[in-house]
Amino acid sequence: MVNAKKMYIENEYAYIDMDIHMYTYNCKGNRVKKKHEVFNLLMCKSTHAEEDFGFSIHKIECKNCGSSFDATREKHCPYCGSGYNLPDYDWVIKRFKKK
């Protein structure tokens, strides 16, 4: 179950703060234990980001020079050196913690 606790806009970024209720299973020897756990998740995305259903973090397009690069490997555009901010492209997890 997902419970959206709060949705808000701050400094041109949309935020969703939610609790995720789930069961985890742990094996000890020949026994399986089921446990209810709650995790808190905070996600954000720029309010100016256009929807891109084909978005891939492996193929970011630089807003300065237009080149594509893999954002999992590069912190800046390898062609022009411009920085990038992932929430300007798609939803990003800002917090994920067990309650």
Protein backbone atom coordinates (compact mmCIF):
# COMPACT_ATOMS: atom_id res chain seq x y z
CA MET A 1 0.00 0.00 0.00
CA VAL A 2 1.22 3.51 -0.80
CA ASN A 3 0.08 6.50 1.23
CA ALA A 4 0.88 9.92 -0.29
CA LYS A 5 1.36 12.05 2.83
CA LYS A 6 2.21 15.37 1.23
CA MET A 7 2.53 16.86 -2.26
CA TYR A 8 3.96 20.34 -2.63
CA ILE A 9 5.95 22.71 -4.85
CA GLU A 10 9.06 24.45 -3.56
CA ASN A 11 11.55 26.50 -5.60
CA GLU A 12 10.11 25.26 -8.92
CA TYR A 13 10.33 21.59 -7.93
CA ALA A 14 7.38 19.28 -7.26
CA TYR A 15 7.74 16.96 -4.28
CA ILE A 16 5.84 13.85 -3.26
CA ASP A 17 6.36 12.54 0.26
CA MET A 18 4.88 9.08 0.72
CA ASP A 19 4.89 6.06 2.98
CA ILE A 20 5.16 2.62 1.41
CA HIS A 21 3.74 -0.28 3.42
CA MET A 22 5.11 -3.66 2.43
CA TYR A 23 5.87 -7.10 3.71
CA THR A 24 9.43 -8.35 3.79
CA TYR A 25 10.37 -12.00 4.08
CA ASN A 26 13.45 -13.32 5.83
CA CYS A 27 14.75 -16.87 5.82
CA LYS A 28 16.42 -18.33 8.90
CA GLY A 29 17.32 -21.96 8.54
CA ASN A 30 14.18 -23.71 7.34
CA ARG A 31 11.81 -20.96 8.55
CA VAL A 32 10.45 -17.98 6.66
CA LYS A 33 9.38 -14.94 8.66
CA LYS A 34 6.99 -12.33 7.28
CA LYS A 35 7.28 -8.79 8.64
CA HIS A 36 5.23 -5.64 7.92
CA GLU A 37 7.51 -2.65 7.33
CA VAL A 38 6.96 0.98 6.43
CA PHE A 39 9.39 2.99 4.30
CA ASN A 40 9.31 6.73 3.68
CA LEU A 41 10.02 7.95 0.15
CA LEU A 42 10.54 11.55 -0.97
CA MET A 43 10.70 12.19 -4.72
CA CYS A 44 11.13 15.43 -6.68
CA LYS A 45 11.02 16.68 -10.25
CA SER A 46 11.28 20.10 -11.86
CA THR A 47 7.94 21.70 -12.65
CA HIS A 48 9.49 22.72 -15.99
CA ALA A 49 10.58 19.20 -17.00
CA GLU A 50 8.75 17.96 -20.06
CA GLU A 51 7.31 14.45 -20.01
CA ASP A 52 9.67 12.09 -21.80
CA PHE A 53 8.39 8.52 -21.66
CA GLY A 54 11.59 7.35 -23.35
CA PHE A 55 13.84 8.98 -20.71
CA SER A 56 16.93 7.03 -19.77
CA ILE A 57 19.57 8.07 -17.24
CA HIS A 58 22.02 6.31 -19.58
CA LYS A 59 21.30 8.85 -22.33
CA ILE A 60 21.04 12.39 -20.95
CA GLU A 61 20.97 15.19 -23.51
CA CYS A 62 23.07 18.18 -22.45
CA LYS A 63 20.95 21.35 -22.33
CA ASN A 64 24.01 23.42 -23.27
CA CYS A 65 25.55 21.61 -26.28
CA GLY A 66 22.97 18.91 -27.13
CA SER A 67 25.38 15.99 -26.78
CA SER A 68 24.24 12.73 -25.18
CA PHE A 69 26.06 10.99 -22.35
CA ASP A 70 25.56 8.38 -19.63
CA ALA A 71 24.66 10.18 -16.38
CA THR A 72 25.46 7.09 -14.32
CA ARG A 73 29.12 7.53 -15.30
CA GLU A 74 29.53 11.28 -15.84
CA LYS A 75 28.92 14.14 -13.38
CA HIS A 76 29.27 16.79 -16.11
CA CYS A 77 28.83 16.78 -19.88
CA PRO A 78 32.06 15.24 -21.22
CA TYR A 79 31.90 17.47 -24.32
CA CYS A 80 31.31 20.97 -22.93
CA GLY A 81 31.73 20.47 -19.16
CA SER A 82 28.26 21.73 -18.23
CA GLY A 83 26.74 20.35 -15.06
CA TYR A 84 23.28 18.82 -14.96
CA ASN A 85 20.63 18.28 -12.35
CA LEU A 86 18.70 15.01 -12.69
CA PRO A 87 15.43 16.40 -11.24
CA ASP A 88 15.36 18.71 -14.28
CA TYR A 89 14.82 15.60 -16.41
CA ASP A 90 12.68 13.14 -14.42
CA TRP A 91 11.60 12.06 -10.93
CA VAL A 92 14.48 11.53 -8.51
CA ILE A 93 14.44 9.82 -5.12
CA LYS A 94 15.68 12.31 -2.55
CA ARG A 95 15.03 10.15 0.53
CA PHE A 96 14.28 6.49 1.15
CA LYS A 97 14.34 5.33 4.74
CA LYS A 98 12.78 2.76 6.98
CA LYS A 99 10.38 4.25 9.52
